Protein backbone atom coordinates (compact mmCIF):
# COMPACT_ATOMS: atom_id res chain seq x y z
CA MET A 1 155.12 130.86 157.10
CA ILE A 2 152.79 127.89 157.29
CA VAL A 3 150.52 127.95 160.32
CA GLU A 4 148.48 124.80 160.86
CA LYS A 5 147.07 125.74 164.26
CA ILE A 6 147.20 128.62 166.67
CA TYR A 7 146.67 127.83 170.34
CA ILE A 8 145.56 130.70 172.54
CA ALA A 9 145.42 130.89 176.33
CA SER A 10 145.26 133.45 179.09
CA ASP A 11 144.82 133.90 182.77
CA HIS A 12 141.81 135.76 184.19
CA ALA A 13 143.24 139.19 183.26
CA GLY A 14 143.35 138.29 179.57
CA VAL A 15 139.96 136.63 179.08
CA ASP A 16 138.28 139.47 177.19
CA ILE A 17 141.17 140.37 174.89
CA LYS A 18 141.77 136.65 174.24
CA LYS A 19 138.24 136.32 172.89
CA THR A 20 138.76 139.35 170.64
CA CYS A 21 142.07 137.99 169.29
CA LYS A 22 140.63 134.53 168.73
CA GLU A 23 137.74 135.92 166.69
CA PHE A 24 140.10 138.20 164.76
CA LEU A 25 142.51 135.37 163.90
CA GLU A 26 139.60 133.16 162.83
CA SER A 27 138.45 135.98 160.53
CA LEU A 28 141.90 135.71 158.89
CA ASN A 29 141.17 131.99 158.31
CA PHE A 30 143.46 130.60 160.98
CA GLU A 31 142.39 127.58 163.02
CA VAL A 32 142.46 128.80 166.62
CA ILE A 33 142.13 126.53 169.63
CA ASP A 34 141.26 128.19 172.93
CA LEU A 35 142.86 126.51 175.93
CA GLY A 36 141.24 128.77 178.54
CA THR A 37 140.67 130.27 180.96
CA ASP A 38 137.12 131.36 180.27
CA SER A 39 136.39 133.04 183.57
CA LEU A 40 137.33 136.17 185.48
CA ASN A 41 137.99 134.00 188.54
CA SER A 42 141.63 134.14 189.59
CA VAL A 43 143.84 131.40 188.08
CA ASP A 44 147.58 130.80 187.88
CA TYR A 45 149.12 131.90 184.55
CA PRO A 46 151.83 129.17 184.53
CA ASP A 47 149.14 126.49 184.25
CA PHE A 48 147.88 128.02 181.00
CA ALA A 49 151.36 128.72 179.65
CA TYR A 50 152.34 125.08 180.16
CA LYS A 51 149.09 123.84 178.62
CA LEU A 52 149.80 125.90 175.50
CA THR A 53 153.51 125.09 175.22
CA ASN A 54 152.78 121.37 175.47
CA GLU A 55 150.63 121.71 172.34
CA VAL A 56 152.86 124.10 170.37
CA LYS A 57 155.98 121.95 170.73
CA LYS A 58 154.24 118.96 169.10
CA ASN A 59 154.56 120.41 165.59
CA SER A 60 156.74 123.12 164.05
CA LYS A 61 153.64 124.49 162.31
CA PHE A 62 151.79 125.03 165.60
CA TYR A 63 152.00 128.49 167.15
CA GLY A 64 150.57 130.24 170.18
CA VAL A 65 149.30 133.41 171.80
CA LEU A 66 149.57 133.90 175.55
CA ILE A 67 148.01 136.73 177.55
CA CYS A 68 148.17 137.74 181.19
CA GLY A 69 147.99 141.14 182.88
CA THR A 70 151.42 142.33 181.78
CA GLY A 71 152.53 139.43 179.58
CA ILE A 72 155.66 139.09 181.70
CA GLY A 73 154.76 136.14 183.92
CA ILE A 74 153.13 134.06 181.22
CA SER A 75 156.07 134.60 178.83
CA ILE A 76 158.56 133.60 181.52
CA ALA A 77 156.59 130.42 182.17
CA ALA A 78 156.40 129.58 178.45
CA ASN A 79 160.12 130.08 177.92
CA ARG A 80 161.00 127.42 180.48
CA ASP A 81 160.56 124.92 177.64
CA LYS A 82 163.62 124.83 175.33
CA ASN A 83 161.37 124.27 172.30
CA ILE A 84 159.46 127.47 172.86
CA ARG A 85 160.52 130.92 171.75
CA CYS A 86 157.90 133.12 173.37
CA ALA A 87 158.23 136.81 172.61
CA LEU A 88 156.71 139.42 174.89
CA CYS A 89 155.62 142.15 172.49
CA HIS A 90 154.32 145.67 173.04
CA ASN A 91 153.73 146.94 169.50
CA GLU A 92 153.69 145.90 165.85
CA ASN A 93 157.45 146.41 165.47
CA THR A 94 158.37 144.04 168.30
CA ALA A 95 155.88 141.46 166.99
CA THR A 96 157.43 141.68 163.51
CA LEU A 97 161.00 141.46 164.78
CA ALA A 98 160.11 138.56 167.09
CA ARG A 99 159.30 136.54 163.98
CA GLU A 100 161.97 137.94 161.63
CA HIS A 101 164.93 137.76 163.99
CA ASN A 102 163.94 135.22 166.66
CA ASP A 103 161.65 132.81 164.82
CA ALA A 104 159.29 133.16 167.80
CA ASN A 105 156.58 130.52 167.91
CA VAL A 106 154.53 132.13 170.68
CA LEU A 107 153.36 135.73 170.94
CA ALA A 108 152.76 137.09 174.43
CA PHE A 109 151.36 140.41 175.56
CA GLY A 110 149.66 142.05 178.50
CA ALA A 111 145.95 142.78 178.59
CA ARG A 112 146.69 145.69 180.91
CA VAL A 113 149.42 146.99 178.60
CA VAL A 114 147.94 146.92 175.08
CA ASP A 115 144.42 147.64 173.86
CA GLU A 116 142.34 145.35 171.64
CA ASN A 117 143.22 147.15 168.40
CA LEU A 118 146.94 146.91 169.04
CA ALA A 119 146.58 143.27 170.10
CA LYS A 120 144.88 142.45 166.79
CA LYS A 121 147.57 144.28 164.81
CA MET A 122 150.32 142.41 166.67
CA CYS A 123 148.59 139.08 165.97
CA GLU A 124 148.25 139.94 162.30
CA VAL A 125 151.89 140.88 161.76
CA PHE A 126 153.20 138.06 163.95
CA PHE A 127 151.38 135.39 161.96
CA ASN A 128 152.19 136.94 158.59
CA THR A 129 155.92 137.52 159.09
CA GLU A 130 158.53 135.04 157.92
CA PHE A 131 161.71 134.20 159.80
CA ALA A 132 164.59 135.97 158.04
CA GLY A 133 167.08 133.16 158.68
CA ASN A 134 170.60 134.03 157.55
CA ARG A 135 172.64 135.55 160.39
CA HIS A 136 169.77 134.95 162.82
CA LYS A 137 169.61 131.19 162.22
CA ASN A 138 172.63 130.23 164.36
CA ARG A 139 171.44 132.46 167.19
CA VAL A 140 168.02 130.85 167.19
CA LEU A 141 169.55 127.36 167.17
CA LYS A 142 171.50 128.26 170.31
CA LEU A 143 168.23 129.02 172.10
CA SER A 144 167.25 125.34 171.99
CA LYS A 145 170.49 124.10 173.52
CA GLU A 146 170.95 123.40 177.21
CA SER A 147 173.10 126.03 178.91
């Protein structure tokens, strides 16, 4: 898996864990671009999801991390774009399978659901797991088609 850039964004609930994940990914030598928010003041998670997806879809080697309170809302917003395969993950196994089976290009999780250590582990496996292809390839291709 070749990762040129990782974009990271969150709403107010994810600010602290976003900073931790950004620093951790940079320690693994990834280029990480923070798209905000940087404040605990209430913001709307769709704004940050759309900001990130607009960057990720520009290049197949661009990936993302999205964080809100539960991860649910921000992942729903991200998946409105047919070029985005945002996976809401809760542990290392779901992060691994999101890449292996779904060729996910955005990892999402909830700051109120996972702790910082688990978030770092999920980031590490997500960005170091290859897409398995084979039987999963046709399924993933169907995700980009209009219904």
